[in-house]
N, C-alpha and C. Protein backbone atom coordinates (compact mmCIF):
# COMPACT_ATOMS: atom_id res chain seq x y z
N MET A 1 96.55 87.74 105.94
CA MET A 1 95.80 88.51 106.91
C MET A 1 95.19 89.76 106.27
N SER A 2 95.86 90.31 105.27
CA SER A 2 95.30 91.51 104.62
C SER A 2 93.96 91.19 103.97
N GLU A 3 93.77 89.92 103.57
CA GLU A 3 92.51 89.52 102.95
C GLU A 3 91.34 89.65 103.92
N VAL A 4 91.59 89.42 105.21
CA VAL A 4 90.54 89.56 106.22
C VAL A 4 90.05 91.00 106.28
N PHE A 5 90.99 91.94 106.31
CA PHE A 5 90.63 93.36 106.36
C PHE A 5 89.96 93.81 105.07
N LEU A 6 90.45 93.28 103.93
CA LEU A 6 89.86 93.65 102.65
C LEU A 6 88.42 93.12 102.56
N GLU A 7 88.20 91.90 103.00
CA GLU A 7 86.85 91.33 103.00
C GLU A 7 85.92 92.15 103.90
N ARG A 8 86.42 92.55 105.05
CA ARG A 8 85.62 93.38 105.96
C ARG A 8 85.28 94.71 105.30
N ALA A 9 86.26 95.32 104.67
CA ALA A 9 86.02 96.60 103.98
C ALA A 9 84.97 96.44 102.89
N ASN A 10 85.06 95.36 102.13
CA ASN A 10 84.09 95.12 101.06
C ASN A 10 82.69 94.89 101.60
N ARG A 11 82.57 94.15 102.68
CA ARG A 11 81.25 93.89 103.27
C ARG A 11 80.64 95.16 103.85
N LEU A 12 81.45 95.95 104.53
CA LEU A 12 80.95 97.21 105.08
C LEU A 12 80.53 98.16 103.96
N SER A 13 81.30 98.17 102.89
CA SER A 13 80.96 99.02 101.76
C SER A 13 79.67 98.54 101.08
N ALA A 14 79.51 97.23 100.98
CA ALA A 14 78.28 96.68 100.40
C ALA A 14 77.06 97.07 101.25
N ALA A 15 77.20 96.99 102.56
CA ALA A 15 76.11 97.39 103.46
C ALA A 15 75.81 98.87 103.29
N ARG A 16 76.86 99.66 103.12
CA ARG A 16 76.70 101.10 102.91
C ARG A 16 75.87 101.36 101.66
N ARG A 17 76.17 100.63 100.60
CA ARG A 17 75.43 100.83 99.35
C ARG A 17 73.95 100.45 99.50
N LEU A 18 73.67 99.47 100.34
CA LEU A 18 72.28 99.04 100.54
C LEU A 18 71.41 100.14 101.15
N ILE A 19 72.01 100.97 101.99
CA ILE A 19 71.22 101.99 102.69
C ILE A 19 71.50 103.41 102.19
N ALA A 20 72.28 103.52 101.13
CA ALA A 20 72.75 104.83 100.66
C ALA A 20 71.62 105.81 100.33
N ASP A 21 70.51 105.31 99.85
CA ASP A 21 69.44 106.22 99.41
C ASP A 21 68.34 106.40 100.45
N ASP A 22 68.52 105.84 101.63
CA ASP A 22 67.48 105.93 102.66
C ASP A 22 67.85 107.00 103.69
N PRO A 23 67.11 108.12 103.72
CA PRO A 23 67.44 109.22 104.63
C PRO A 23 67.34 108.85 106.12
N GLU A 24 66.65 107.76 106.43
CA GLU A 24 66.55 107.33 107.83
C GLU A 24 67.87 106.79 108.37
N TYR A 25 68.77 106.42 107.47
CA TYR A 25 70.00 105.75 107.89
C TYR A 25 71.26 106.58 107.62
N THR A 26 71.14 107.89 107.64
CA THR A 26 72.32 108.70 107.34
C THR A 26 73.45 108.50 108.34
N SER A 27 73.11 108.36 109.62
CA SER A 27 74.16 108.13 110.63
C SER A 27 74.83 106.78 110.42
N ALA A 28 74.03 105.77 110.14
CA ALA A 28 74.59 104.44 109.88
C ALA A 28 75.44 104.45 108.62
N LEU A 29 75.00 105.20 107.62
CA LEU A 29 75.75 105.32 106.37
C LEU A 29 77.14 105.89 106.63
N ALA A 30 77.19 106.95 107.43
CA ALA A 30 78.48 107.57 107.77
C ALA A 30 79.37 106.59 108.52
N LEU A 31 78.80 105.89 109.47
CA LEU A 31 79.57 104.91 110.25
C LEU A 31 80.13 103.81 109.36
N LEU A 32 79.31 103.28 108.48
CA LEU A 32 79.76 102.23 107.58
C LEU A 32 80.86 102.72 106.64
N ALA A 33 80.73 103.95 106.16
CA ALA A 33 81.75 104.51 105.28
C ALA A 33 83.08 104.66 106.00
N VAL A 34 83.04 105.17 107.22
CA VAL A 34 84.27 105.35 108.00
C VAL A 34 84.92 104.01 108.30
N HIS A 35 84.14 103.05 108.75
CA HIS A 35 84.72 101.75 109.13
C HIS A 35 85.19 100.96 107.90
N SER A 36 84.52 101.16 106.79
CA SER A 36 84.99 100.55 105.56
C SER A 36 86.36 101.11 105.17
N ALA A 37 86.50 102.43 105.26
CA ALA A 37 87.78 103.07 104.94
C ALA A 37 88.89 102.62 105.89
N ILE A 38 88.57 102.48 107.17
CA ILE A 38 89.57 102.03 108.14
C ILE A 38 89.99 100.60 107.83
N SER A 39 89.04 99.73 107.50
CA SER A 39 89.38 98.34 107.16
C SER A 39 90.22 98.28 105.89
N TRP A 40 89.88 99.13 104.92
CA TRP A 40 90.67 99.17 103.70
C TRP A 40 92.10 99.62 104.00
N ARG A 41 92.22 100.67 104.83
CA ARG A 41 93.54 101.15 105.22
C ARG A 41 94.33 100.04 105.92
N ASP A 42 93.66 99.28 106.78
CA ASP A 42 94.33 98.18 107.48
C ASP A 42 94.78 97.10 106.51
N ALA A 43 93.97 96.81 105.48
CA ALA A 43 94.35 95.81 104.48
C ALA A 43 95.60 96.26 103.73
N VAL A 44 95.61 97.52 103.33
CA VAL A 44 96.78 98.05 102.60
C VAL A 44 98.00 98.07 103.52
N SER A 45 97.80 98.46 104.75
CA SER A 45 98.90 98.51 105.71
C SER A 45 99.49 97.12 105.94
N MET A 46 98.63 96.12 106.07
CA MET A 46 99.12 94.74 106.24
C MET A 46 99.97 94.32 105.05
N LYS A 47 99.51 94.68 103.87
CA LYS A 47 100.22 94.29 102.66
C LYS A 47 101.55 95.02 102.53
N LEU A 48 101.58 96.31 102.87
CA LEU A 48 102.79 97.11 102.67
C LEU A 48 103.80 97.00 103.80
N VAL A 49 103.32 96.98 105.04
CA VAL A 49 104.26 97.01 106.17
C VAL A 49 104.14 95.80 107.08
N GLY A 50 103.22 94.89 106.77
CA GLY A 50 103.11 93.67 107.55
C GLY A 50 102.35 93.80 108.86
N GLY A 51 101.69 94.91 109.06
CA GLY A 51 100.91 95.12 110.27
C GLY A 51 99.99 96.31 110.11
N VAL A 52 99.05 96.42 111.03
CA VAL A 52 98.14 97.56 110.98
C VAL A 52 98.70 98.68 111.84
N THR A 53 98.43 99.90 111.43
CA THR A 53 98.87 101.04 112.21
C THR A 53 97.92 101.22 113.38
N LYS A 54 98.46 101.46 114.54
CA LYS A 54 97.65 101.65 115.74
C LYS A 54 97.49 103.14 116.05
N ASN A 55 97.77 103.96 115.07
CA ASN A 55 97.69 105.40 115.22
C ASN A 55 96.23 105.83 115.37
N LYS A 56 95.88 106.43 116.49
CA LYS A 56 94.51 106.90 116.72
C LYS A 56 94.20 108.10 115.83
N ASP A 57 95.23 108.79 115.39
CA ASP A 57 95.08 109.91 114.48
C ASP A 57 94.99 109.35 113.06
N HIS A 58 93.80 109.35 112.49
CA HIS A 58 93.61 108.73 111.18
C HIS A 58 94.46 109.39 110.11
N MET A 59 94.66 110.70 110.19
CA MET A 59 95.49 111.38 109.20
C MET A 59 96.94 110.92 109.32
N GLY A 60 97.39 110.67 110.55
CA GLY A 60 98.75 110.15 110.75
C GLY A 60 98.92 108.80 110.08
N ALA A 61 97.90 107.97 110.17
CA ALA A 61 97.95 106.65 109.53
C ALA A 61 97.99 106.80 108.01
N VAL A 62 97.25 107.75 107.49
CA VAL A 62 97.26 108.01 106.05
C VAL A 62 98.65 108.45 105.61
N LEU A 63 99.27 109.31 106.39
CA LEU A 63 100.62 109.79 106.03
C LEU A 63 101.63 108.66 106.00
N VAL A 64 101.51 107.72 106.95
CA VAL A 64 102.41 106.56 106.96
C VAL A 64 102.25 105.77 105.67
N LEU A 65 101.01 105.54 105.27
CA LEU A 65 100.78 104.77 104.05
C LEU A 65 101.21 105.54 102.80
N GLU A 66 101.02 106.85 102.79
CA GLU A 66 101.49 107.64 101.65
C GLU A 66 102.99 107.50 101.48
N LYS A 67 103.71 107.49 102.60
CA LYS A 67 105.18 107.31 102.54
C LYS A 67 105.51 105.93 101.99
N GLN A 68 104.74 104.91 102.39
CA GLN A 68 104.97 103.56 101.89
C GLN A 68 104.71 103.48 100.38
N PHE A 69 103.65 104.13 99.94
CA PHE A 69 103.36 104.17 98.50
C PHE A 69 104.52 104.83 97.76
N ALA A 70 104.96 105.98 98.26
CA ALA A 70 106.03 106.72 97.60
C ALA A 70 107.34 105.93 97.56
N SER A 71 107.69 105.28 98.67
CA SER A 71 108.95 104.53 98.72
C SER A 71 108.94 103.35 97.77
N ARG A 72 107.76 102.86 97.43
CA ARG A 72 107.65 101.74 96.50
C ARG A 72 107.28 102.21 95.09
N LYS A 73 107.23 103.54 94.92
CA LYS A 73 106.87 104.14 93.64
C LYS A 73 105.52 103.64 93.13
N LEU A 74 104.57 103.51 94.06
CA LEU A 74 103.20 103.12 93.73
C LEU A 74 102.34 104.35 93.58
N ASN A 75 101.37 104.29 92.70
CA ASN A 75 100.45 105.39 92.49
C ASN A 75 99.46 105.44 93.66
N SER A 76 99.39 106.56 94.34
CA SER A 76 98.48 106.69 95.47
C SER A 76 97.26 107.54 95.14
N ASP A 77 97.02 107.81 93.85
CA ASP A 77 95.83 108.56 93.45
C ASP A 77 94.59 107.84 93.97
N GLY A 78 93.69 108.58 94.55
CA GLY A 78 92.47 107.99 95.05
C GLY A 78 92.60 107.43 96.45
N PHE A 79 93.80 107.38 96.95
CA PHE A 79 94.02 106.88 98.28
C PHE A 79 93.66 107.96 99.26
């Protein structure tokens, strides 16, 4: 299941790159970046904890994953 979220993140990121240099699409660029990051977070969450976090507070979801990285002694640089 994590592959579904990872594929979504990759596709959203690819779409983001397509419009990155076009000033007409700055709002769409921001939306794609945010949703790509959320999908990536969901992919990592599925892999680490077996489910996605339903935390509406995005920073709270990040903190949960940081704890998972630390408990597994994984490098979270760039996360």
